Amino acid sequence: MAKIKVRRINREELAGAAILRDVVAAELAAYPASRGTLDLDMEIDPNLRHLMAHDPDGFFTATDHEETLGFAAAHIRSRQCVLSELWVLPQHHGCGAGRALLERIIGYGERSGVREYLAVVPAEPAIQALLLGLSFRALTPVYQFSLARALAAELAPSLARLLPGRDATTDLFNRRGQADIDRIDRVTRNITREVDHLYWLKERRLKAAFVQQGARIAAYAYGGAGQIGPVAGSTPDAALSGLGWALQLAVESGAQEQLEVRVPAPFAAAIEAMLDGGARLEATLMIYGRGLALAFDRSILGPACLP
């Protein structure tokens, strides 16, 4: 039996953790095929850098006599702890490293006073069994679609004009509109996350839009060359219009040939729109929660590690 130790990792070790994550993730359909290259000089995923900058206490590694077994990270927003990463090298599956890492993250959350835990994970039996064994419950599948840029350019206007909307990027840069975003985040995710919105705008250089329903801002949407979402709305109709804006902003920003969109299963209208628009279903992720009750029927996720 392995003598597993779990310890925090520091900023200087992030590159090695990112390589471990990318090597394991390269085998999964839900993650970019370009991963899996062992290269210490490669650029670290900016999402990981962002999480390390703002949540450094949530990064852990599992070892056995100096040998690295796995890596995990979590971030806290309001009273919710989000499992950002959990990876164990294939040759160490079954040794208990995954459970040890997850238990450390649960402990980190408890010490931080969180009441809810959320995880967006690959639909793989091992990780699901691990979460179920630690009182997490499956909430919903998330369907990961790819949509050709040309098809996105056709689909976007038909969705965006369902409700009045506008590009709100400049407003948000000038610190106007954050109250609307916070309100929508609380409605859809039970959190606020101003630090992440600033990151998407300033570091990821995404564009943002607001959708109006009646007299109120009812949805926000992010889109850029390398990312679609998050999109969230106080109603499903507003969120569906927001999806159109996210696609449109991505196309305008010079998105790659294939756009990647993650839609929770309860958001049926968005799934129907994606399929009708020519999208391909590439992979399925799962949302698990502990102490969490959310519908996910009016949101599009951002990156799996920062949904």
Protein backbone atom coordinates (compact mmCIF):
# COMPACT_ATOMS: atom_id res chain seq x y z
CA MET A 1 0.00 0.00 0.00
CA ALA A 2 1.35 3.39 -1.00
CA LYS A 3 2.38 5.80 1.75
CA ILE A 4 0.64 8.79 0.24
CA LYS A 5 1.41 12.30 1.39
CA VAL A 6 -0.54 15.34 0.22
CA ARG A 7 1.02 18.77 0.45
CA ARG A 8 0.44 22.23 -0.94
CA ILE A 9 2.40 23.22 -4.01
CA ASN A 10 3.87 26.63 -4.62
CA ARG A 11 3.97 28.89 -7.65
CA GLU A 12 7.35 27.56 -8.81
CA GLU A 13 5.93 24.02 -9.07
CA LEU A 14 2.97 25.02 -11.22
CA ALA A 15 4.68 24.20 -14.50
CA GLY A 16 5.29 20.61 -13.43
CA ALA A 17 1.70 20.24 -12.22
CA ALA A 18 0.42 21.60 -15.53
CA ILE A 19 2.48 19.05 -17.46
CA LEU A 20 1.07 16.23 -15.31
CA ARG A 21 -2.47 17.49 -15.94
CA ASP A 22 -1.92 17.84 -19.69
CA VAL A 23 -0.41 14.39 -20.08
CA VAL A 24 -3.37 12.73 -18.37
CA ALA A 25 -6.00 14.97 -20.01
CA ALA A 26 -4.63 14.31 -23.49
CA GLU A 27 -6.31 10.89 -23.42
CA LEU A 28 -9.77 12.36 -22.86
CA ALA A 29 -12.12 13.64 -25.56
CA ALA A 30 -13.25 16.57 -23.40
CA TYR A 31 -9.81 18.21 -23.48
CA PRO A 32 -7.76 19.72 -26.31
CA ALA A 33 -5.89 17.22 -28.46
CA SER A 34 -2.81 19.46 -28.43
CA ARG A 35 -2.12 18.55 -24.82
CA GLY A 36 0.19 15.78 -23.74
CA THR A 37 3.52 17.27 -24.81
CA LEU A 38 6.26 17.16 -22.18
CA ASP A 39 7.79 20.61 -22.47
CA LEU A 40 8.82 22.67 -19.45
CA ASP A 41 9.11 25.76 -21.67
CA MET A 42 5.51 25.58 -22.87
CA GLU A 43 3.15 28.32 -21.75
CA ILE A 44 1.17 27.38 -18.65
CA ASP A 45 -2.60 27.41 -19.02
CA PRO A 46 -3.58 31.00 -18.11
CA ASN A 47 -6.57 29.68 -16.17
CA LEU A 48 -4.18 27.81 -13.86
CA ARG A 49 -2.05 30.93 -13.43
CA HIS A 50 -5.15 32.92 -12.53
CA LEU A 51 -6.30 30.37 -9.97
CA MET A 52 -2.84 30.14 -8.43
CA ALA A 53 -2.66 33.94 -8.18
CA HIS A 54 -5.98 34.22 -6.34
CA ASP A 55 -6.34 30.82 -4.63
CA PRO A 56 -2.78 29.62 -3.90
CA ASP A 57 -3.87 27.65 -0.83
CA GLY A 58 -6.00 25.35 -2.97
CA PHE A 59 -3.21 23.63 -4.98
CA PHE A 60 -2.01 20.19 -3.85
CA THR A 61 0.11 17.29 -4.98
CA ALA A 62 0.11 13.66 -3.82
CA THR A 63 3.45 11.87 -3.49
CA ASP A 64 4.84 8.53 -2.40
CA HIS A 65 8.52 8.66 -1.42
CA GLU A 66 9.28 11.66 -3.67
CA GLU A 67 7.37 10.18 -6.62
CA THR A 68 4.50 12.36 -7.81
CA LEU A 69 1.21 10.50 -8.07
CA GLY A 70 -1.27 13.24 -8.86
CA PHE A 71 -2.29 16.87 -8.67
CA ALA A 72 -5.44 18.72 -7.59
CA ALA A 73 -6.62 22.29 -7.20
CA ALA A 74 -9.71 24.06 -5.92
CA HIS A 75 -10.92 27.63 -5.80
CA ILE A 76 -13.43 29.32 -3.53
CA ARG A 77 -16.03 31.84 -4.58
CA SER A 78 -18.40 33.16 -1.91
CA ARG A 79 -19.23 30.02 0.12
CA GLN A 80 -18.71 27.59 -2.77
CA CYS A 81 -15.60 25.45 -3.29
CA VAL A 82 -15.06 24.45 -6.93
CA LEU A 83 -12.88 21.45 -7.71
CA SER A 84 -10.78 22.95 -10.50
CA GLU A 85 -8.46 20.03 -11.17
CA LEU A 86 -8.04 16.41 -10.07
CA TRP A 87 -5.60 14.21 -11.96
CA VAL A 88 -3.76 10.99 -11.08
CA LEU A 89 -1.16 9.47 -13.38
CA PRO A 90 -2.49 6.28 -15.01
CA GLN A 91 0.20 4.04 -13.50
CA HIS A 92 -0.95 5.12 -10.03
CA HIS A 93 -4.68 4.59 -10.43
CA GLY A 94 -6.17 2.61 -7.56
CA CYS A 95 -3.52 3.53 -5.00
CA GLY A 96 -5.69 6.02 -3.13
CA ALA A 97 -4.06 9.20 -4.40
CA GLY A 98 -7.29 10.60 -5.85
CA ARG A 99 -9.20 10.10 -2.61
CA ALA A 100 -6.37 11.63 -0.57
CA LEU A 101 -6.33 14.71 -2.81
CA LEU A 102 -10.09 15.13 -2.74
CA GLU A 103 -10.23 14.73 1.04
CA ARG A 104 -7.59 17.46 1.34
CA ILE A 105 -9.66 19.76 -0.84
CA ILE A 106 -12.79 19.07 1.23
CA GLY A 107 -10.80 19.91 4.33
CA TYR A 108 -9.54 23.09 2.69
CA GLY A 109 -13.13 24.07 1.94
CA GLU A 110 -14.31 23.31 5.48
CA ARG A 111 -11.54 25.42 6.99
CA SER A 112 -12.54 28.23 4.62
CA GLY A 113 -16.16 28.10 5.75
CA VAL A 114 -17.71 26.92 2.50
CA ARG A 115 -21.16 25.36 2.41
CA GLU A 116 -21.21 24.00 -1.14
CA TYR A 117 -18.86 22.00 -3.35
CA LEU A 118 -19.02 21.78 -7.13
CA ALA A 119 -17.00 19.73 -9.62
CA VAL A 120 -17.07 19.57 -13.43
CA VAL A 121 -15.34 16.32 -14.34
CA PRO A 122 -14.87 13.91 -17.27
CA ALA A 123 -17.53 11.21 -17.52
CA GLU A 124 -15.03 8.60 -16.39
CA PRO A 125 -16.01 5.80 -13.95
CA ALA A 126 -13.05 6.23 -11.60
CA ILE A 127 -13.55 9.93 -10.90
CA GLN A 128 -17.32 9.50 -10.57
CA ALA A 129 -16.92 6.64 -8.11
CA LEU A 130 -14.48 8.74 -6.09
CA LEU A 131 -16.89 11.67 -5.88
CA LEU A 132 -19.86 9.45 -5.03
CA GLY A 133 -17.82 7.82 -2.27
CA LEU A 134 -17.25 11.20 -0.64
CA SER A 135 -20.92 12.26 -0.63
CA PHE A 136 -20.96 14.18 -3.90
CA ARG A 137 -24.04 13.66 -6.05
CA ALA A 138 -24.43 13.81 -9.81
CA LEU A 139 -26.36 16.95 -10.77
CA THR A 140 -26.33 16.95 -14.57
CA PRO A 141 -24.34 16.03 -17.67
CA VAL A 142 -22.64 18.82 -19.61
CA TYR A 143 -22.49 18.38 -23.38
CA GLN A 144 -19.36 19.68 -25.07
CA PHE A 145 -20.08 20.75 -28.63
CA SER A 146 -17.81 21.90 -31.42
CA LEU A 147 -19.23 24.33 -33.98
CA ALA A 148 -17.49 25.44 -37.15
CA ARG A 149 -16.81 29.18 -37.22
CA ALA A 150 -18.84 29.63 -40.41
CA LEU A 151 -21.84 27.88 -38.85
CA ALA A 152 -21.45 29.94 -35.68
CA ALA A 153 -21.58 33.11 -37.77
CA GLU A 154 -24.93 31.94 -39.17
CA LEU A 155 -26.41 30.80 -35.86
CA ALA A 156 -25.34 33.73 -33.70
CA PRO A 157 -27.60 36.49 -35.12
CA SER A 158 -30.74 34.37 -34.94
CA LEU A 159 -30.18 33.75 -31.23
CA ALA A 160 -28.85 37.20 -30.31
CA ARG A 161 -31.91 39.00 -31.64
CA LEU A 162 -34.35 36.98 -29.51
CA LEU A 163 -34.07 39.80 -26.96
CA PRO A 164 -32.45 43.26 -27.02
CA GLY A 165 -28.73 43.16 -26.31
CA ARG A 166 -25.54 45.15 -26.62
CA ASP A 167 -21.78 44.85 -26.38
CA ALA A 168 -21.00 45.78 -22.76
CA THR A 169 -17.21 45.33 -22.86
CA THR A 170 -16.41 49.02 -22.48
CA ASP A 171 -18.93 49.46 -19.67
CA LEU A 172 -17.39 46.60 -17.71
CA PHE A 173 -13.86 47.90 -18.29
CA ASN A 174 -15.06 51.19 -16.82
CA ARG A 175 -16.52 49.35 -13.80
CA ARG A 176 -20.15 49.81 -14.84
CA GLY A 177 -22.51 46.86 -14.76
CA GLN A 178 -20.80 44.69 -12.14
CA ALA A 179 -23.90 44.80 -9.93
CA ASP A 180 -25.95 43.22 -12.74
CA ILE A 181 -23.34 40.49 -13.21
CA ASP A 182 -23.25 39.76 -9.47
CA ARG A 183 -27.03 39.49 -9.36
CA ILE A 184 -27.13 37.04 -12.28
CA ASP A 185 -24.28 34.98 -10.81
CA ARG A 186 -26.15 34.68 -7.53
CA VAL A 187 -29.32 33.57 -9.34
CA THR A 188 -27.60 30.96 -11.51
CA ARG A 189 -24.66 29.80 -9.37
CA ASN A 190 -25.21 31.09 -5.82
CA ILE A 191 -21.87 32.91 -5.99
CA THR A 192 -20.24 36.21 -6.90
CA ARG A 193 -16.88 36.22 -8.66
CA GLU A 194 -15.74 39.71 -9.61
CA VAL A 195 -12.11 38.55 -9.74
CA ASP A 196 -12.95 36.07 -12.51
CA HIS A 197 -14.90 38.61 -14.55
CA LEU A 198 -11.92 40.97 -14.42
CA TYR A 199 -9.67 38.11 -15.52
CA TRP A 200 -11.86 37.23 -18.52
CA LEU A 201 -11.95 40.84 -19.61
CA LYS A 202 -8.41 42.01 -18.94
CA GLU A 203 -6.20 38.94 -19.22
CA ARG A 204 -8.16 36.67 -21.56
CA ARG A 205 -9.28 39.72 -23.56
CA LEU A 206 -12.79 38.37 -24.00
CA LYS A 207 -15.63 40.61 -25.05
CA ALA A 208 -18.84 40.78 -23.03
CA ALA A 209 -22.48 41.48 -23.83
CA PHE A 210 -25.61 42.22 -21.84
CA VAL A 211 -29.09 41.01 -22.76
CA GLN A 212 -32.10 42.96 -21.58
CA GLN A 213 -35.52 41.50 -20.75
CA GLY A 214 -38.10 44.07 -19.78
CA ALA A 215 -36.51 46.81 -17.73
CA ARG A 216 -33.60 44.74 -16.37
CA ILE A 217 -30.31 43.29 -17.55
CA ALA A 218 -31.22 39.60 -17.66
CA ALA A 219 -28.06 37.87 -19.00
CA TYR A 220 -24.38 38.34 -19.60
CA ALA A 221 -22.26 36.56 -22.19
CA TYR A 222 -18.53 36.25 -22.88
CA GLY A 223 -16.92 35.37 -26.18
CA GLY A 224 -13.45 35.66 -27.63
CA ALA A 225 -10.92 34.08 -29.96
CA GLY A 226 -10.15 31.28 -27.52
CA GLN A 227 -13.27 30.88 -25.38
CA ILE A 228 -17.06 30.77 -25.50
CA GLY A 229 -18.77 31.49 -22.19
CA PRO A 230 -19.57 31.73 -19.48
CA VAL A 231 -23.11 32.78 -20.32
CA ALA A 232 -25.70 33.15 -17.56
CA GLY A 233 -29.21 34.52 -17.47
CA SER A 234 -31.96 35.13 -14.98
CA THR A 235 -34.27 33.38 -17.48
CA PRO A 236 -33.60 30.66 -20.09
CA ASP A 237 -34.72 33.01 -22.91
CA ALA A 238 -32.20 35.64 -21.86
CA ALA A 239 -29.43 33.04 -21.59
CA LEU A 240 -30.29 31.68 -25.06
CA SER A 241 -29.96 35.16 -26.51
CA GLY A 242 -26.71 35.47 -24.56
CA LEU A 243 -25.40 32.33 -26.30
CA GLY A 244 -25.96 34.09 -29.61
CA TRP A 245 -23.97 37.07 -28.39
CA ALA A 246 -21.15 34.84 -27.11
CA LEU A 247 -20.88 33.15 -30.51
CA GLN A 248 -21.02 36.47 -32.32
CA LEU A 249 -18.33 38.05 -30.14
CA ALA A 250 -16.09 35.01 -30.66
CA VAL A 251 -16.48 35.16 -34.44
CA GLU A 252 -15.77 38.90 -34.45
CA SER A 253 -12.64 38.31 -32.34
CA GLY A 254 -11.15 35.87 -34.87
CA ALA A 255 -12.08 32.58 -33.24
CA GLN A 256 -10.42 29.40 -34.38
CA GLU A 257 -12.06 27.23 -37.02
CA GLN A 258 -13.86 25.15 -34.39
CA LEU A 259 -15.61 26.81 -31.45
CA GLU A 260 -16.06 24.84 -28.23
CA VAL A 261 -19.29 25.27 -26.25
CA ARG A 262 -20.26 23.51 -22.99
CA VAL A 263 -24.00 23.30 -22.37
CA PRO A 264 -25.55 21.74 -19.22
CA ALA A 265 -28.23 19.18 -20.09
CA PRO A 266 -31.13 21.06 -18.42
CA PHE A 267 -30.63 23.99 -20.83
CA ALA A 268 -32.64 22.15 -23.48
CA ALA A 269 -33.26 25.14 -25.76
CA ALA A 270 -29.52 25.78 -26.10
CA ILE A 271 -28.83 22.13 -26.89
CA GLU A 272 -31.54 22.17 -29.57
CA ALA A 273 -30.15 25.39 -31.04
CA MET A 274 -26.62 24.00 -31.18
CA LEU A 275 -27.70 20.78 -32.90
CA ASP A 276 -29.97 22.62 -35.33
CA GLY A 277 -27.06 24.95 -36.10
CA GLY A 278 -24.79 22.07 -37.14
CA ALA A 279 -22.78 21.55 -33.94
CA ARG A 280 -21.16 18.18 -33.21
CA LEU A 281 -21.28 16.57 -29.80
CA GLU A 282 -17.65 15.82 -28.94
CA ALA A 283 -17.72 14.74 -25.30
CA THR A 284 -19.75 14.61 -22.10
CA LEU A 285 -18.69 16.02 -18.76
CA MET A 286 -20.56 15.69 -15.47
CA ILE A 287 -21.39 18.24 -12.79
CA TYR A 288 -21.22 16.87 -9.26
CA GLY A 289 -22.18 18.72 -6.11
CA ARG A 290 -22.13 18.40 -2.36
CA GLY A 291 -24.58 20.54 -0.39
CA LEU A 292 -25.51 22.11 -3.72
CA ALA A 293 -28.90 22.44 -5.41
CA LEU A 294 -28.78 24.32 -8.74
CA ALA A 295 -30.80 23.89 -11.92
CA PHE A 296 -28.14 24.78 -14.55
CA ASP A 297 -31.01 25.43 -16.97
CA ARG A 298 -29.92 28.94 -17.99
CA SER A 299 -26.16 28.90 -18.27
CA ILE A 300 -23.30 27.99 -20.59
CA LEU A 301 -20.08 27.01 -18.80
CA GLY A 302 -16.72 28.59 -19.36
CA PRO A 303 -13.57 26.43 -19.03
CA ALA A 304 -14.11 23.23 -17.05
CA CYS A 305 -11.64 24.38 -14.38
CA LEU A 306 -13.32 27.81 -14.09
CA PRO A 307 -16.94 27.13 -15.05
